[in-house]
Amino acid sequence: MNETLFSLDFFGNQVTITAWKLIGYTGVICFASRWLVQLAASHRSKRPTFPLFFWILSLTGSLLLLLYFIFGKNDSVGILSYLMPSAIAAYNLFLHIGDARRREAKS
């Protein structure tokens, strides 16, 4: 997965794209876009809120970046940077789903 898929000229610098980099880029997009989801949800409800999709994007982005840093880059700093956020996102996703089920059972 480290074979070059294609190269791009990015402001005079040659950027080599591999399958692992695509996984990493997808993780970055997921992890960063979660804040846009949170912003839209808070704007809609007129109060700070973290919707289910925020936690799904957090977990997905964290796991993709963990895969990239473990297998694609073998970088311990990157691994440690996304290990805790993935655990916290998984826990909050678990809480969010459990809360939704309890609310559903009450009605």
PDB file of N, CA and C in Angstrom:
ATOM      1  N   MET A   1       0.810  -1.190   0.000  1.00  0.00           N
ATOM      2  CA  MET A   1       0.000   0.000   0.000  1.00  0.00           C
ATOM      3  C   MET A   1       0.862   1.266   0.000  1.00  0.00           C
ATOM      4  N   ASN A   2       2.159   1.085  -0.003  1.00  0.00           N
ATOM      5  CA  ASN A   2       3.063   2.228  -0.060  1.00  0.00           C
ATOM      6  C   ASN A   2       3.516   2.548  -1.479  1.00  0.00           C
ATOM      7  N   GLU A   3       2.976   1.812  -2.463  1.00  0.00           N
ATOM      8  CA  GLU A   3       3.331   2.100  -3.849  1.00  0.00           C
ATOM      9  C   GLU A   3       2.679   3.416  -4.269  1.00  0.00           C
ATOM     10  N   THR A   4       3.375   4.166  -5.084  1.00  0.00           N
ATOM     11  CA  THR A   4       2.856   5.438  -5.573  1.00  0.00           C
ATOM     12  C   THR A   4       1.665   5.207  -6.494  1.00  0.00           C
ATOM     13  N   LEU A   5       0.549   5.845  -6.164  1.00  0.00           N
ATOM     14  CA  LEU A   5      -0.626   5.783  -7.025  1.00  0.00           C
ATOM     15  C   LEU A   5      -0.545   6.870  -8.088  1.00  0.00           C
ATOM     16  N   PHE A   6      -0.161   8.068  -7.647  1.00  0.00           N
ATOM     17  CA  PHE A   6       0.046   9.191  -8.564  1.00  0.00           C
ATOM     18  C   PHE A   6       0.802  10.278  -7.810  1.00  0.00           C
ATOM     19  N   SER A   7       1.283  11.238  -8.550  1.00  0.00           N
ATOM     20  CA  SER A   7       1.997  12.375  -7.968  1.00  0.00           C
ATOM     21  C   SER A   7       1.322  13.667  -8.409  1.00  0.00           C
ATOM     22  N   LEU A   8       1.410  14.671  -7.545  1.00  0.00           N
ATOM     23  CA  LEU A   8       0.832  15.976  -7.833  1.00  0.00           C
ATOM     24  C   LEU A   8       1.893  17.053  -7.650  1.00  0.00           C
ATOM     25  N   ASP A   9       1.781  18.092  -8.434  1.00  0.00           N
ATOM     26  CA  ASP A   9       2.629  19.260  -8.236  1.00  0.00           C
ATOM     27  C   ASP A   9       1.831  20.236  -7.382  1.00  0.00           C
ATOM     28  N   PHE A  10       2.255  20.451  -6.153  1.00  0.00           N
ATOM     29  CA  PHE A  10       1.539  21.286  -5.208  1.00  0.00           C
ATOM     30  C   PHE A  10       2.388  22.501  -4.871  1.00  0.00           C
ATOM     31  N   PHE A  11       2.107  23.612  -5.539  1.00  0.00           N
ATOM     32  CA  PHE A  11       2.857  24.860  -5.355  1.00  0.00           C
ATOM     33  C   PHE A  11       4.357  24.654  -5.536  1.00  0.00           C
ATOM     34  N   GLY A  12       4.713  23.942  -6.579  1.00  0.00           N
ATOM     35  CA  GLY A  12       6.118  23.718  -6.896  1.00  0.00           C
ATOM     36  C   GLY A  12       6.760  22.543  -6.177  1.00  0.00           C
ATOM     37  N   ASN A  13       6.015  21.870  -5.310  1.00  0.00           N
ATOM     38  CA  ASN A  13       6.525  20.691  -4.605  1.00  0.00           C
ATOM     39  C   ASN A  13       5.834  19.443  -5.128  1.00  0.00           C
ATOM     40  N   GLN A  14       6.593  18.400  -5.341  1.00  0.00           N
ATOM     41  CA  GLN A  14       6.048  17.133  -5.806  1.00  0.00           C
ATOM     42  C   GLN A  14       5.486  16.356  -4.620  1.00  0.00           C
ATOM     43  N   VAL A  15       4.200  16.038  -4.654  1.00  0.00           N
ATOM     44  CA  VAL A  15       3.543  15.283  -3.592  1.00  0.00           C
ATOM     45  C   VAL A  15       3.199  13.908  -4.135  1.00  0.00           C
ATOM     46  N   THR A  16       3.715  12.876  -3.486  1.00  0.00           N
ATOM     47  CA  THR A  16       3.466  11.495  -3.883  1.00  0.00           C
ATOM     48  C   THR A  16       2.278  10.961  -3.098  1.00  0.00           C
ATOM     49  N   ILE A  17       1.302  10.400  -3.791  1.00  0.00           N
ATOM     50  CA  ILE A  17       0.092   9.868  -3.157  1.00  0.00           C
ATOM     51  C   ILE A  17       0.146   8.344  -3.173  1.00  0.00           C
ATOM     52  N   THR A  18      -0.003   7.762  -1.976  1.00  0.00           N
ATOM     53  CA  THR A  18      -0.082   6.308  -1.822  1.00  0.00           C
ATOM     54  C   THR A  18      -1.461   5.967  -1.249  1.00  0.00           C
ATOM     55  N   ALA A  19      -1.780   4.700  -1.183  1.00  0.00           N
ATOM     56  CA  ALA A  19      -3.052   4.276  -0.598  1.00  0.00           C
ATOM     57  C   ALA A  19      -3.117   4.677   0.875  1.00  0.00           C
ATOM     58  N   TRP A  20      -1.989   4.551   1.591  1.00  0.00           N
ATOM     59  CA  TRP A  20      -1.975   4.944   3.002  1.00  0.00           C
ATOM     60  C   TRP A  20      -2.221   6.436   3.166  1.00  0.00           C
ATOM     61  N   LYS A  21      -1.681   7.236   2.265  1.00  0.00           N
ATOM     62  CA  LYS A  21      -1.931   8.681   2.346  1.00  0.00           C
ATOM     63  C   LYS A  21      -3.401   8.991   2.091  1.00  0.00           C
ATOM     64  N   LEU A  22      -4.031   8.275   1.179  1.00  0.00           N
ATOM     65  CA  LEU A  22      -5.465   8.478   0.947  1.00  0.00           C
ATOM     66  C   LEU A  22      -6.277   8.141   2.199  1.00  0.00           C
ATOM     67  N   ILE A  23      -5.874   7.080   2.899  1.00  0.00           N
ATOM     68  CA  ILE A  23      -6.528   6.722   4.161  1.00  0.00           C
ATOM     69  C   ILE A  23      -6.306   7.836   5.183  1.00  0.00           C
ATOM     70  N   GLY A  24      -5.082   8.337   5.266  1.00  0.00           N
ATOM     71  CA  GLY A  24      -4.779   9.432   6.183  1.00  0.00           C
ATOM     72  C   GLY A  24      -5.544  10.700   5.850  1.00  0.00           C
ATOM     73  N   TYR A  25      -5.600  11.059   4.572  1.00  0.00           N
ATOM     74  CA  TYR A  25      -6.341  12.253   4.158  1.00  0.00           C
ATOM     75  C   TYR A  25      -7.825  12.116   4.478  1.00  0.00           C
ATOM     76  N   THR A  26      -8.378  10.921   4.253  1.00  0.00           N
ATOM     77  CA  THR A  26      -9.793  10.681   4.568  1.00  0.00           C
ATOM     78  C   THR A  26     -10.032  10.836   6.068  1.00  0.00           C
ATOM     79  N   GLY A  27      -9.103  10.321   6.877  1.00  0.00           N
ATOM     80  CA  GLY A  27      -9.198  10.479   8.331  1.00  0.00           C
ATOM     81  C   GLY A  27      -9.168  11.928   8.753  1.00  0.00           C
ATOM     82  N   VAL A  28      -8.274  12.706   8.144  1.00  0.00           N
ATOM     83  CA  VAL A  28      -8.184  14.133   8.463  1.00  0.00           C
ATOM     84  C   VAL A  28      -9.480  14.849   8.103  1.00  0.00           C
ATOM     85  N   ILE A  29     -10.034  14.524   6.941  1.00  0.00           N
ATOM     86  CA  ILE A  29     -11.287  15.155   6.510  1.00  0.00           C
ATOM     87  C   ILE A  29     -12.423  14.808   7.488  1.00  0.00           C
ATOM     88  N   CYS A  30     -12.524  13.546   7.878  1.00  0.00           N
ATOM     89  CA  CYS A  30     -13.555  13.135   8.849  1.00  0.00           C
ATOM     90  C   CYS A  30     -13.359  13.844  10.179  1.00  0.00           C
ATOM     91  N   PHE A  31     -12.121  13.806  10.684  1.00  0.00           N
ATOM     92  CA  PHE A  31     -11.831  14.359  11.999  1.00  0.00           C
ATOM     93  C   PHE A  31     -12.074  15.867  12.024  1.00  0.00           C
ATOM     94  N   ALA A  32     -11.708  16.567  10.970  1.00  0.00           N
ATOM     95  CA  ALA A  32     -11.894  18.019  10.927  1.00  0.00           C
ATOM     96  C   ALA A  32     -13.345  18.405  10.665  1.00  0.00           C
ATOM     97  N   SER A  33     -14.042  17.659   9.817  1.00  0.00           N
ATOM     98  CA  SER A  33     -15.412  18.030   9.445  1.00  0.00           C
ATOM     99  C   SER A  33     -16.403  17.828  10.586  1.00  0.00           C
ATOM    100  N   ARG A  34     -16.016  17.073  11.596  1.00  0.00           N
ATOM    101  CA  ARG A  34     -16.925  16.876  12.735  1.00  0.00           C
ATOM    102  C   ARG A  34     -17.288  18.206  13.386  1.00  0.00           C
ATOM    103  N   TRP A  35     -16.362  19.166  13.333  1.00  0.00           N
ATOM    104  CA  TRP A  35     -16.646  20.482  13.929  1.00  0.00           C
ATOM    105  C   TRP A  35     -17.667  21.260  13.115  1.00  0.00           C
ATOM    106  N   LEU A  36     -17.692  21.051  11.818  1.00  0.00           N
ATOM    107  CA  LEU A  36     -18.728  21.683  10.998  1.00  0.00           C
ATOM    108  C   LEU A  36     -20.100  21.100  11.337  1.00  0.00           C
ATOM    109  N   VAL A  37     -20.131  19.797  11.584  1.00  0.00           N
ATOM    110  CA  VAL A  37     -21.377  19.131  11.990  1.00  0.00           C
ATOM    111  C   VAL A  37     -21.838  19.680  13.342  1.00  0.00           C
ATOM    112  N   GLN A  38     -20.903  19.825  14.267  1.00  0.00           N
ATOM    113  CA  GLN A  38     -21.231  20.345  15.594  1.00  0.00           C
ATOM    114  C   GLN A  38     -21.710  21.792  15.501  1.00  0.00           C
ATOM    115  N   LEU A  39     -21.049  22.587  14.683  1.00  0.00           N
ATOM    116  CA  LEU A  39     -21.437  23.979  14.496  1.00  0.00           C
ATOM    117  C   LEU A  39     -22.858  24.082  13.935  1.00  0.00           C
ATOM    118  N   ALA A  40     -23.162  23.291  12.923  1.00  0.00           N
ATOM    119  CA  ALA A  40     -24.499  23.311  12.318  1.00  0.00           C
ATOM    120  C   ALA A  40     -25.562  22.873  13.324  1.00  0.00           C
ATOM    121  N   ALA A  41     -25.276  21.833  14.093  1.00  0.00           N
ATOM    122  CA  ALA A  41     -26.248  21.339  15.073  1.00  0.00           C
ATOM    123  C   ALA A  41     -26.473  22.362  16.182  1.00  0.00           C
ATOM    124  N   SER A  42     -25.413  23.003  16.642  1.00  0.00           N
ATOM    125  CA  SER A  42     -25.544  24.024  17.684  1.00  0.00           C
ATOM    126  C   SER A  42     -26.301  25.238  17.162  1.00  0.00           C
ATOM    127  N   HIS A  43     -26.021  25.614  15.930  1.00  0.00           N
ATOM    128  CA  HIS A  43     -26.719  26.751  15.332  1.00  0.00           C
ATOM    129  C   HIS A  43     -28.219  26.463  15.223  1.00  0.00           C
ATOM    130  N   ARG A  44     -28.543  25.250  14.811  1.00  0.00           N
ATOM    131  CA  ARG A  44     -29.942  24.854  14.651  1.00  0.00           C
ATOM    132  C   ARG A  44     -30.676  24.840  15.993  1.00  0.00           C
ATOM    133  N   SER A  45     -30.024  24.315  17.038  1.00  0.00           N
ATOM    134  CA  SER A  45     -30.697  24.190  18.335  1.00  0.00           C
ATOM    135  C   SER A  45     -30.520  25.420  19.224  1.00  0.00           C
ATOM    136  N   LYS A  46     -29.692  26.366  18.786  1.00  0.00           N
ATOM    137  CA  LYS A  46     -29.441  27.605  19.533  1.00  0.00           C
ATOM    138  C   LYS A  46     -28.783  27.350  20.894  1.00  0.00           C
ATOM    139  N   ARG A  47     -28.087  26.232  21.014  1.00  0.00           N
ATOM    140  CA  ARG A  47     -27.320  25.898  22.226  1.00  0.00           C
ATOM    141  C   ARG A  47     -26.216  24.925  21.835  1.00  0.00           C
ATOM    142  N   PRO A  48     -25.149  24.852  22.611  1.00  0.00           N
ATOM    143  CA  PRO A  48     -24.076  23.905  22.272  1.00  0.00           C
ATOM    144  C   PRO A  48     -24.594  22.463  22.327  1.00  0.00           C
ATOM    145  N   THR A  49     -24.324  21.717  21.293  1.00  0.00           N
ATOM    146  CA  THR A  49     -24.772  20.324  21.247  1.00  0.00           C
ATOM    147  C   THR A  49     -23.807  19.489  20.407  1.00  0.00           C
ATOM    148  N   PHE A  50     -23.727  18.223  20.731  1.00  0.00           N
ATOM    149  CA  PHE A  50     -22.885  17.285  19.994  1.00  0.00           C
ATOM    150  C   PHE A  50     -23.767  16.160  19.467  1.00  0.00           C
ATOM    151  N   PRO A  51     -24.128  16.220  18.193  1.00  0.00           N
ATOM    152  CA  PRO A  51     -25.016  15.203  17.633  1.00  0.00           C
ATOM    153  C   PRO A  51     -24.298  13.862  17.439  1.00  0.00           C
ATOM    154  N   LEU A  52     -25.082  12.833  17.222  1.00  0.00           N
ATOM    155  CA  LEU A  52     -24.546  11.488  16.999  1.00  0.00           C
ATOM    156  C   LEU A  52     -23.508  11.472  15.888  1.00  0.00           C
ATOM    157  N   PHE A  53     -23.758  12.196  14.799  1.00  0.00           N
ATOM    158  CA  PHE A  53     -22.837  12.185  13.659  1.00  0.00           C
ATOM    159  C   PHE A  53     -21.470  12.764  14.023  1.00  0.00           C
ATOM    160  N   PHE A  54     -21.427  13.677  14.997  1.00  0.00           N
ATOM    161  CA  PHE A  54     -20.156  14.210  15.482  1.00  0.00           C
ATOM    162  C   PHE A  54     -19.289  13.074  16.015  1.00  0.00           C
ATOM    163  N   TRP A  55     -19.881  12.206  16.832  1.00  0.00           N
ATOM    164  CA  TRP A  55     -19.113  11.108  17.433  1.00  0.00           C
ATOM    165  C   TRP A  55     -18.752  10.047  16.400  1.00  0.00           C
ATOM    166  N   ILE A  56     -19.619   9.838  15.421  1.00  0.00           N
ATOM    167  CA  ILE A  56     -19.301   8.886  14.349  1.00  0.00           C
ATOM    168  C   ILE A  56     -18.108   9.398  13.541  1.00  0.00           C
ATOM    169  N   LEU A  57     -18.127  10.689  13.186  1.00  0.00           N
ATOM    170  CA  LEU A  57     -16.992  11.263  12.450  1.00  0.00           C
ATOM    171  C   LEU A  57     -15.720  11.260  13.295  1.00  0.00           C
ATOM    172  N   SER A  58     -15.853  11.529  14.593  1.00  0.00           N
ATOM    173  CA  SER A  58     -14.695  11.520  15.486  1.00  0.00           C
ATOM    174  C   SER A  58     -14.050  10.143  15.529  1.00  0.00           C
ATOM    175  N   LEU A  59     -14.880   9.124  15.721  1.00  0.00           N
ATOM    176  CA  LEU A  59     -14.350   7.763  15.804  1.00  0.00           C
ATOM    177  C   LEU A  59     -13.780   7.299  14.470  1.00  0.00           C
ATOM    178  N   THR A  60     -14.495   7.561  13.391  1.00  0.00           N
ATOM    179  CA  THR A  60     -14.025   7.166  12.062  1.00  0.00           C
ATOM    180  C   THR A  60     -12.700   7.847  11.730  1.00  0.00           C
ATOM    181  N   GLY A  61     -12.647   9.155  11.924  1.00  0.00           N
ATOM    182  CA  GLY A  61     -11.416   9.891  11.643  1.00  0.00           C
ATOM    183  C   GLY A  61     -10.258   9.421  12.499  1.00  0.00           C
ATOM    184  N   SER A  62     -10.506   9.231  13.786  1.00  0.00           N
ATOM    185  CA  SER A  62      -9.450   8.764  14.690  1.00  0.00           C
ATOM    186  C   SER A  62      -8.927   7.392  14.292  1.00  0.00           C
ATOM    187  N   LEU A  63      -9.840   6.487  13.962  1.00  0.00           N
ATOM    188  CA  LEU A  63      -9.411   5.128  13.594  1.00  0.00           C
ATOM    189  C   LEU A  63      -8.642   5.118  12.272  1.00  0.00           C
ATOM    190  N   LEU A  64      -9.108   5.894  11.301  1.00  0.00           N
ATOM    191  CA  LEU A  64      -8.382   5.968  10.025  1.00  0.00           C
ATOM    192  C   LEU A  64      -6.989   6.560  10.222  1.00  0.00           C
ATOM    193  N   LEU A  65      -6.889   7.592  11.052  1.00  0.00           N
ATOM    194  CA  LEU A  65      -5.577   8.189  11.309  1.00  0.00           C
ATOM    195  C   LEU A  65      -4.693   7.255  12.125  1.00  0.00           C
ATOM    196  N   LEU A  66      -5.290   6.503  13.038  1.00  0.00           N
ATOM    197  CA  LEU A  66      -4.507   5.491  13.760  1.00  0.00           C
ATOM    198  C   LEU A  66      -3.946   4.451  12.791  1.00  0.00           C
ATOM    199  N   LEU A  67      -4.778   3.967  11.880  1.00  0.00           N
ATOM    200  CA  LEU A  67      -4.303   3.007  10.875  1.00  0.00           C
ATOM    201  C   LEU A  67      -3.160   3.593  10.064  1.00  0.00           C
ATOM    202  N   TYR A  68      -3.331   4.846   9.640  1.00  0.00           N
ATOM    203  CA  TYR A  68      -2.282   5.502   8.855  1.00  0.00           C
ATOM    204  C   TYR A  68      -0.975   5.593   9.642  1.00  0.00           C
ATOM    205  N   PHE A  69      -1.056   6.036  10.894  1.00  0.00           N
ATOM    206  CA  PHE A  69       0.173   6.208  11.672  1.00  0.00           C
ATOM    207  C   PHE A  69       0.776   4.885  12.132  1.00  0.00           C
ATOM    208  N   ILE A  70      -0.041   3.845  12.292  1.00  0.00           N
ATOM    209  CA  ILE A  70       0.499   2.539  12.687  1.00  0.00           C
ATOM    210  C   ILE A  70       1.129   1.830  11.492  1.00  0.00           C
ATOM    211  N   PHE A  71       0.365   1.691  10.413  1.00  0.00           N
ATOM    212  CA  PHE A  71       0.818   0.869   9.291  1.00  0.00           C
ATOM    213  C   PHE A  71       1.446   1.659   8.146  1.00  0.00           C
ATOM    214  N   GLY A  72       0.957   2.848   7.900  1.00  0.00           N
ATOM    215  CA  GLY A  72       1.451   3.618   6.769  1.00  0.00           C
ATOM    216  C   GLY A  72       2.700   4.408   7.076  1.00  0.00           C
ATOM    217  N   LYS A  73       2.801   4.929   8.278  1.00  0.00           N
ATOM    218  CA  LYS A  73       3.898   5.826   8.611  1.00  0.00           C
ATOM    219  C   LYS A  73       4.796   5.281   9.713  1.00  0.00           C
ATOM    220  N   ASN A  74       4.258   4.410  10.570  1.00  0.00           N
ATOM    221  CA  ASN A  74       4.979   3.870  11.717  1.00  0.00           C
ATOM    222  C   ASN A  74       5.536   5.008  12.571  1.00  0.00           C
ATOM    223  N   ASP A  75       4.621   5.886  12.996  1.00  0.00           N
ATOM    224  CA  ASP A  75       4.990   7.098  13.727  1.00  0.00           C
ATOM    225  C   ASP A  75       4.333   7.083  15.107  1.00  0.00           C
ATOM    226  N   SER A  76       5.144   6.930  16.149  1.00  0.00           N
ATOM    227  CA  SER A  76       4.612   6.817  17.508  1.00  0.00           C
ATOM    228  C   SER A  76       3.939   8.100  17.970  1.00  0.00           C
ATOM    229  N   VAL A  77       4.391   9.256  17.515  1.00  0.00           N
ATOM    230  CA  VAL A  77       3.752  10.520  17.901  1.00  0.00           C
ATOM    231  C   VAL A  77       2.334  10.572  17.346  1.00  0.00           C
ATOM    232  N   GLY A  78       2.157  10.212  16.093  1.00  0.00           N
ATOM    233  CA  GLY A  78       0.826  10.182  15.489  1.00  0.00           C
ATOM    234  C   GLY A  78      -0.079   9.158  16.160  1.00  0.00           C
ATOM    235  N   ILE A  79       0.491   8.009  16.504  1.00  0.00           N
ATOM    236  CA  ILE A  79      -0.296   6.960  17.175  1.00  0.00           C
ATOM    237  C   ILE A  79      -0.820   7.483  18.504  1.00  0.00           C
ATOM    238  N   LEU A  80       0.062   8.071  19.297  1.00  0.00           N
ATOM    239  CA  LEU A  80      -0.353   8.599  20.596  1.00  0.00           C
ATOM    240  C   LEU A  80      -1.326   9.767  20.448  1.00  0.00           C
ATOM    241  N   SER A  81      -1.192  10.537  19.375  1.00  0.00           N
ATOM    242  CA  SER A  81      -2.075  11.682  19.150  1.00  0.00           C
ATOM    243  C   SER A  81      -3.513  11.270  18.891  1.00  0.00           C
ATOM    244  N   TYR A  82      -3.736  10.094  18.318  1.00  0.00           N
ATOM    245  CA  TYR A  82      -5.093   9.676  17.967  1.00  0.00           C
ATOM    246  C   TYR A  82      -5.602   8.492  18.768  1.00  0.00           C
ATOM    247  N   LEU A  83      -4.771   7.941  19.642  1.00  0.00           N
ATOM    248  CA  LEU A  83      -5.200   6.816  20.466  1.00  0.00           C
ATOM    249  C   LEU A  83      -6.252   7.257  21.486  1.00  0.00           C
ATOM    250  N   MET A  84      -5.962   8.325  22.222  1.00  0.00           N
ATOM    251  CA  MET A  84      -6.917   8.787  23.224  1.00  0.00           C
ATOM    252  C   MET A  84      -8.193   9.338  22.591  1.00  0.00           C
ATOM    253  N   PRO A  85      -8.119  10.188  21.559  1.00  0.00           N
ATOM    254  CA  PRO A  85      -9.378  10.658  20.960  1.00  0.00           C
ATOM    255  C   PRO A  85     -10.262   9.526  20.437  1.00  0.00           C
ATOM    256  N   SER A  86      -9.661   8.450  19.935  1.00  0.00           N
ATOM    257  CA  SER A  86     -10.495   7.345  19.449  1.00  0.00           C
ATOM    258  C   SER A  86     -11.204   6.651  20.608  1.00  0.00           C
ATOM    259  N   ALA A  87     -10.529   6.496  21.737  1.00  0.00           N
ATOM    260  CA  ALA A  87     -11.160   5.874  22.907  1.00  0.00           C
ATOM    261  C   ALA A  87     -12.275   6.764  23.453  1.00  0.00           C
ATOM    262  N   ILE A  88     -12.042   8.066  23.520  1.00  0.00           N
ATOM    263  CA  ILE A  88     -13.051   8.994  24.029  1.00  0.00           C
ATOM    264  C   ILE A  88     -14.248   9.061  23.078  1.00  0.00           C
ATOM    265  N   ALA A  89     -13.990   9.089  21.789  1.00  0.00           N
ATOM    266  CA  ALA A  89     -15.083   9.121  20.816  1.00  0.00           C
ATOM    267  C   ALA A  89     -15.913   7.841  20.897  1.00  0.00           C
ATOM    268  N   ALA A  90     -15.251   6.695  21.036  1.00  0.00           N
ATOM    269  CA  ALA A  90     -15.975   5.422  21.154  1.00  0.00           C
ATOM    270  C   ALA A  90     -16.845   5.412  22.415  1.00  0.00           C
ATOM    271  N   TYR A  91     -16.305   5.898  23.525  1.00  0.00           N
ATOM    272  CA  TYR A  91     -17.061   5.947  24.777  1.00  0.00           C
ATOM    273  C   TYR A  91     -18.270   6.879  24.638  1.00  0.00           C
ATOM    274  N   ASN A  92     -18.065   8.065  24.073  1.00  0.00           N
ATOM    275  CA  ASN A  92     -19.168   9.011  23.909  1.00  0.00           C
ATOM    276  C   ASN A  92     -20.211   8.506  22.920  1.00  0.00           C
ATOM    277  N   LEU A  93     -19.782   7.804  21.893  1.00  0.00           N
ATOM    278  CA  LEU A  93     -20.728   7.193  20.959  1.00  0.00           C
ATOM    279  C   LEU A  93     -21.565   6.141  21.686  1.00  0.00           C
ATOM    280  N   PHE A  94     -20.907   5.341  22.522  1.00  0.00           N
ATOM    281  CA  PHE A  94     -21.600   4.340  23.342  1.00  0.00           C
ATOM    282  C   PHE A  94     -22.631   5.018  24.254  1.00  0.00           C
ATOM    283  N   LEU A  95     -22.247   6.113  24.911  1.00  0.00           N
ATOM    284  CA  LEU A  95     -23.169   6.842  25.786  1.00  0.00           C
ATOM    285  C   LEU A  95     -24.337   7.439  24.998  1.00  0.00           C
ATOM    286  N   HIS A  96     -24.035   7.991  23.844  1.00  0.00           N
ATOM    287  CA  HIS A  96     -25.066   8.628  23.013  1.00  0.00           C
ATOM    288  C   HIS A  96     -26.103   7.600  22.574  1.00  0.00           C
ATOM    289  N   ILE A  97     -25.652   6.455  22.116  1.00  0.00           N
ATOM    290  CA  ILE A  97     -26.570   5.406  21.668  1.00  0.00           C
ATOM    291  C   ILE A  97     -27.387   4.866  22.842  1.00  0.00           C
ATOM    292  N   GLY A  98     -26.730   4.662  23.992  1.00  0.00           N
ATOM    293  CA  GLY A  98     -27.444   4.189  25.187  1.00  0.00           C
ATOM    294  C   GLY A  98     -28.504   5.167  25.643  1.00  0.00           C
ATOM    295  N   ASP A  99     -28.178   6.466  25.615  1.00  0.00           N
ATOM    296  CA  ASP A  99     -29.143   7.496  25.999  1.00  0.00           C
ATOM    297  C   ASP A  99     -30.328   7.506  25.045  1.00  0.00           C
ATOM    298  N   ALA A 100     -30.073   7.377  23.763  1.00  0.00           N
ATOM    299  CA  ALA A 100     -31.155   7.359  22.776  1.00  0.00           C
ATOM    300  C   ALA A 100     -32.075   6.156  23.003  1.00  0.00           C
ATOM    301  N   ARG A 101     -31.490   5.015  23.338  1.00  0.00           N
ATOM    302  CA  ARG A 101     -32.307   3.818  23.598  1.00  0.00           C
ATOM    303  C   ARG A 101     -33.166   3.995  24.851  1.00  0.00           C
ATOM    304  N   ARG A 102     -32.577   4.594  25.900  1.00  0.00           N
ATOM    305  CA  ARG A 102     -33.354   4.819  27.122  1.00  0.00           C
ATOM    306  C   ARG A 102     -34.504   5.776  26.877  1.00  0.00           C
ATOM    307  N   ARG A 103     -34.266   6.837  26.107  1.00  0.00           N
ATOM    308  CA  ARG A 103     -35.333   7.793  25.785  1.00  0.00           C
ATOM    309  C   ARG A 103     -36.437   7.129  24.974  1.00  0.00           C
ATOM    310  N   GLU A 104     -36.027   6.247  24.056  1.00  0.00           N
ATOM    311  CA  GLU A 104     -36.998   5.538  23.211  1.00  0.00           C
ATOM    312  C   GLU A 104     -37.854   4.606  24.063  1.00  0.00           C
ATOM    313  N   ALA A 105     -37.229   3.952  25.043  1.00  0.00           N
ATOM    314  CA  ALA A 105     -37.958   3.005  25.885  1.00  0.00           C
ATOM    315  C   ALA A 105     -38.977   3.723  26.780  1.00  0.00           C
ATOM    316  N   LYS A 106     -38.690   4.973  27.169  1.00  0.00           N
ATOM    317  CA  LYS A 106     -39.603   5.752  28.005  1.00  0.00           C
ATOM    318  C   LYS A 106     -40.850   6.189  27.248  1.00  0.00           C
ATOM    319  N   SER A 107     -40.713   6.378  25.933  1.00  0.00           N
ATOM    320  CA  SER A 107     -41.875   6.896  25.198  1.00  0.00           C
ATOM    321  C   SER A 107     -42.723   5.820  24.607  1.00  0.00           C
TER     322      SER A 107
END
